[in-house]
């Protein structure tokens, strides 16, 4: 396959705009909406509370698998945790 064959596919990928970015503020807002403490959320998702605090502070990027669990526990669509 030549490079010229791949160019239309690459252009279609770029046409969709920037990739969504995890939003620490949205994670915090969803947690607060459910009236959960950081400790309660951490326990529910099987993470250390310090790690969840770091996710909320934007100091650490959670893996997608963790974001999926947060969305499930917080009962929000996963897209609500991205901007």
N, C-alpha and C. Protein backbone atom coordinates (compact mmCIF):
# COMPACT_ATOMS: atom_id res chain seq x y z
N UNK A 1 0.85 -1.17 0.00
CA UNK A 1 0.00 0.00 0.00
C UNK A 1 0.90 1.23 0.00
N UNK A 2 0.60 2.15 -0.87
CA UNK A 2 1.43 3.35 -0.97
C UNK A 2 0.94 4.43 -0.02
N UNK A 3 1.81 5.39 0.19
CA UNK A 3 1.46 6.52 1.06
C UNK A 3 0.27 7.27 0.50
N UNK A 4 0.19 7.42 -0.81
CA UNK A 4 -0.93 8.16 -1.42
C UNK A 4 -2.26 7.46 -1.17
N UNK A 5 -2.23 6.14 -1.02
CA UNK A 5 -3.45 5.39 -0.72
C UNK A 5 -3.93 5.68 0.70
N UNK A 6 -3.01 5.92 1.62
CA UNK A 6 -3.37 6.17 3.01
C UNK A 6 -3.79 7.61 3.27
N UNK A 7 -3.42 8.53 2.42
CA UNK A 7 -3.69 9.95 2.68
C UNK A 7 -5.17 10.26 2.90
N UNK A 8 -6.11 9.71 2.11
CA UNK A 8 -7.53 10.01 2.39
C UNK A 8 -7.97 9.53 3.77
N UNK A 9 -7.49 8.38 4.21
CA UNK A 9 -7.86 7.86 5.54
C UNK A 9 -7.32 8.77 6.62
N UNK A 10 -6.10 9.22 6.48
CA UNK A 10 -5.49 10.11 7.47
C UNK A 10 -6.26 11.43 7.51
N UNK A 11 -6.65 11.94 6.35
CA UNK A 11 -7.42 13.18 6.31
C UNK A 11 -8.76 13.02 7.03
N UNK A 12 -9.43 11.87 6.85
CA UNK A 12 -10.71 11.65 7.53
C UNK A 12 -10.52 11.63 9.04
N UNK A 13 -9.44 11.04 9.51
CA UNK A 13 -9.16 11.01 10.95
C UNK A 13 -9.00 12.44 11.47
N UNK A 14 -8.26 13.26 10.76
CA UNK A 14 -8.01 14.62 11.21
C UNK A 14 -9.23 15.51 11.08
N UNK A 15 -10.18 15.13 10.21
CA UNK A 15 -11.39 15.92 10.04
C UNK A 15 -12.31 15.86 11.26
N UNK A 16 -12.12 14.89 12.12
CA UNK A 16 -12.98 14.74 13.28
C UNK A 16 -12.59 15.67 14.42
N UNK A 17 -11.58 16.46 14.25
CA UNK A 17 -11.18 17.41 15.27
C UNK A 17 -10.29 16.78 16.32
N UNK A 18 -10.01 17.54 17.37
CA UNK A 18 -9.10 17.04 18.40
C UNK A 18 -9.73 15.90 19.20
N UNK A 19 -8.88 15.07 19.74
CA UNK A 19 -9.35 13.96 20.58
C UNK A 19 -9.89 14.52 21.88
N UNK A 20 -10.90 13.87 22.44
CA UNK A 20 -11.42 14.33 23.73
C UNK A 20 -10.36 14.18 24.82
N UNK A 21 -10.42 15.04 25.80
CA UNK A 21 -9.46 15.05 26.89
C UNK A 21 -10.18 14.79 28.20
N UNK A 22 -9.59 13.93 29.03
CA UNK A 22 -10.16 13.68 30.35
C UNK A 22 -10.27 14.99 31.12
N UNK A 23 -11.39 15.18 31.82
CA UNK A 23 -11.63 16.41 32.57
C UNK A 23 -11.65 16.13 34.07
N UNK A 24 -10.60 16.53 34.79
CA UNK A 24 -10.60 16.37 36.25
C UNK A 24 -11.78 17.08 36.90
N UNK A 25 -12.14 18.25 36.40
CA UNK A 25 -13.24 19.01 36.99
C UNK A 25 -14.57 18.28 36.82
N UNK A 26 -14.75 17.62 35.70
CA UNK A 26 -15.99 16.88 35.48
C UNK A 26 -16.07 15.64 36.37
N UNK A 27 -14.93 15.01 36.62
CA UNK A 27 -14.91 13.88 37.55
C UNK A 27 -15.32 14.37 38.94
N UNK A 28 -14.74 15.48 39.37
CA UNK A 28 -15.07 16.05 40.68
C UNK A 28 -16.55 16.41 40.76
N UNK A 29 -17.07 17.05 39.71
CA UNK A 29 -18.48 17.46 39.71
C UNK A 29 -19.41 16.25 39.76
N UNK A 30 -19.08 15.20 39.01
CA UNK A 30 -19.91 13.99 39.01
C UNK A 30 -19.88 13.32 40.38
N UNK A 31 -18.72 13.31 41.02
CA UNK A 31 -18.61 12.73 42.37
C UNK A 31 -19.44 13.53 43.36
N UNK A 32 -19.34 14.84 43.28
CA UNK A 32 -20.09 15.70 44.19
C UNK A 32 -21.59 15.59 43.95
N UNK A 33 -21.99 15.44 42.70
CA UNK A 33 -23.40 15.28 42.36
C UNK A 33 -23.99 14.04 43.02
N UNK A 34 -23.18 13.01 43.17
CA UNK A 34 -23.61 11.77 43.82
C UNK A 34 -23.38 11.79 45.33
N UNK A 35 -22.93 12.94 45.85
CA UNK A 35 -22.68 13.11 47.29
C UNK A 35 -21.71 12.06 47.83
N UNK A 36 -20.66 11.81 47.07
CA UNK A 36 -19.61 10.88 47.50
C UNK A 36 -18.37 11.63 47.89
N UNK A 37 -17.70 11.16 48.92
CA UNK A 37 -16.38 11.70 49.25
C UNK A 37 -15.37 11.06 48.32
N UNK A 38 -14.18 11.62 48.29
CA UNK A 38 -13.10 11.01 47.50
C UNK A 38 -12.86 9.58 47.99
N UNK A 39 -12.86 9.40 49.31
CA UNK A 39 -12.63 8.07 49.88
C UNK A 39 -13.70 7.07 49.45
N UNK A 40 -14.95 7.50 49.45
CA UNK A 40 -16.03 6.60 49.04
C UNK A 40 -15.91 6.22 47.57
N UNK A 41 -15.61 7.20 46.73
CA UNK A 41 -15.44 6.91 45.31
C UNK A 41 -14.25 5.98 45.09
N UNK A 42 -13.16 6.27 45.77
CA UNK A 42 -11.96 5.44 45.63
C UNK A 42 -12.26 3.99 46.01
N UNK A 43 -12.98 3.80 47.11
CA UNK A 43 -13.33 2.45 47.54
C UNK A 43 -14.22 1.76 46.51
N UNK A 44 -15.18 2.51 45.96
CA UNK A 44 -16.12 1.94 44.98
C UNK A 44 -15.44 1.51 43.69
N UNK A 45 -14.37 2.21 43.32
CA UNK A 45 -13.68 1.89 42.06
C UNK A 45 -12.41 1.08 42.28
N UNK A 46 -12.07 0.81 43.54
CA UNK A 46 -10.89 0.00 43.82
C UNK A 46 -9.58 0.73 43.61
N UNK A 47 -9.58 2.03 43.89
CA UNK A 47 -8.36 2.84 43.76
C UNK A 47 -8.02 3.44 45.11
N UNK A 48 -6.76 3.82 45.27
CA UNK A 48 -6.33 4.52 46.47
C UNK A 48 -6.90 5.94 46.44
N UNK A 49 -7.38 6.45 47.59
CA UNK A 49 -7.92 7.82 47.61
C UNK A 49 -6.92 8.87 47.13
N UNK A 50 -5.63 8.67 47.42
CA UNK A 50 -4.62 9.63 46.94
C UNK A 50 -4.57 9.66 45.42
N UNK A 51 -4.77 8.51 44.81
CA UNK A 51 -4.76 8.45 43.34
C UNK A 51 -5.96 9.18 42.77
N UNK A 52 -7.13 8.97 43.38
CA UNK A 52 -8.33 9.66 42.91
C UNK A 52 -8.18 11.18 43.08
N UNK A 53 -7.59 11.60 44.20
CA UNK A 53 -7.33 13.04 44.39
C UNK A 53 -6.42 13.58 43.30
N UNK A 54 -5.41 12.80 42.94
CA UNK A 54 -4.49 13.24 41.88
C UNK A 54 -5.19 13.30 40.53
N UNK A 55 -6.13 12.37 40.27
CA UNK A 55 -6.93 12.44 39.03
C UNK A 55 -7.74 13.73 39.03
N UNK A 56 -8.40 14.04 40.15
CA UNK A 56 -9.23 15.24 40.25
C UNK A 56 -8.43 16.53 40.18
N UNK A 57 -7.20 16.48 40.62
CA UNK A 57 -6.34 17.67 40.59
C UNK A 57 -5.68 17.85 39.22
N UNK A 58 -5.81 16.86 38.36
CA UNK A 58 -5.16 16.93 37.05
C UNK A 58 -3.68 16.62 37.11
N UNK A 59 -3.23 16.04 38.21
CA UNK A 59 -1.81 15.69 38.37
C UNK A 59 -1.47 14.35 37.74
N UNK A 60 -2.50 13.53 37.53
CA UNK A 60 -2.31 12.19 37.01
C UNK A 60 -3.46 11.89 36.06
N UNK A 61 -3.13 11.32 34.91
CA UNK A 61 -4.14 10.98 33.92
C UNK A 61 -4.59 9.54 34.15
N UNK A 62 -5.87 9.33 34.42
CA UNK A 62 -6.33 7.96 34.66
C UNK A 62 -6.35 7.16 33.35
N UNK A 63 -6.10 5.86 33.44
CA UNK A 63 -6.24 5.04 32.24
C UNK A 63 -7.71 4.98 31.83
N UNK A 64 -7.96 4.72 30.57
CA UNK A 64 -9.33 4.66 30.07
C UNK A 64 -10.15 3.64 30.84
N UNK A 65 -9.54 2.54 31.24
CA UNK A 65 -10.27 1.53 32.00
C UNK A 65 -10.79 2.11 33.32
N UNK A 66 -10.00 2.96 33.96
CA UNK A 66 -10.44 3.60 35.21
C UNK A 66 -11.57 4.59 34.95
N UNK A 67 -11.47 5.33 33.85
CA UNK A 67 -12.52 6.29 33.51
C UNK A 67 -13.84 5.56 33.27
N UNK A 68 -13.78 4.39 32.64
CA UNK A 68 -14.99 3.58 32.42
C UNK A 68 -15.61 3.17 33.75
N UNK A 69 -14.78 2.77 34.70
CA UNK A 69 -15.29 2.38 36.02
C UNK A 69 -15.88 3.59 36.74
N UNK A 70 -15.21 4.74 36.66
CA UNK A 70 -15.76 5.96 37.28
C UNK A 70 -17.14 6.25 36.70
N UNK A 71 -17.26 6.20 35.39
CA UNK A 71 -18.54 6.50 34.75
C UNK A 71 -19.63 5.54 35.21
N UNK A 72 -19.30 4.28 35.34
CA UNK A 72 -20.27 3.28 35.78
C UNK A 72 -20.70 3.55 37.22
N UNK A 73 -19.73 3.74 38.10
CA UNK A 73 -20.03 3.97 39.51
C UNK A 73 -20.80 5.27 39.71
N UNK A 74 -20.44 6.30 38.97
CA UNK A 74 -21.08 7.60 39.11
C UNK A 74 -22.37 7.72 38.30
N UNK A 75 -22.66 6.68 37.52
CA UNK A 75 -23.87 6.63 36.69
C UNK A 75 -23.97 7.83 35.75
N UNK A 76 -22.87 8.06 35.03
CA UNK A 76 -22.84 9.10 34.00
C UNK A 76 -22.30 8.47 32.72
N UNK A 77 -22.69 9.02 31.57
CA UNK A 77 -22.08 8.56 30.32
C UNK A 77 -20.58 8.86 30.36
N UNK A 78 -19.79 7.97 29.83
CA UNK A 78 -18.34 8.18 29.87
C UNK A 78 -17.95 9.50 29.22
N UNK A 79 -18.69 9.92 28.21
CA UNK A 79 -18.35 11.19 27.53
C UNK A 79 -18.48 12.38 28.48
N UNK A 80 -19.26 12.24 29.56
CA UNK A 80 -19.39 13.34 30.53
C UNK A 80 -18.09 13.59 31.29
N UNK A 81 -17.16 12.65 31.24
CA UNK A 81 -15.90 12.81 31.97
C UNK A 81 -14.79 13.33 31.06
N UNK A 82 -15.16 13.72 29.85
CA UNK A 82 -14.21 14.28 28.89
C UNK A 82 -14.69 15.63 28.41
N UNK A 83 -13.73 16.44 27.91
CA UNK A 83 -14.09 17.72 27.32
C UNK A 83 -13.52 17.83 25.93
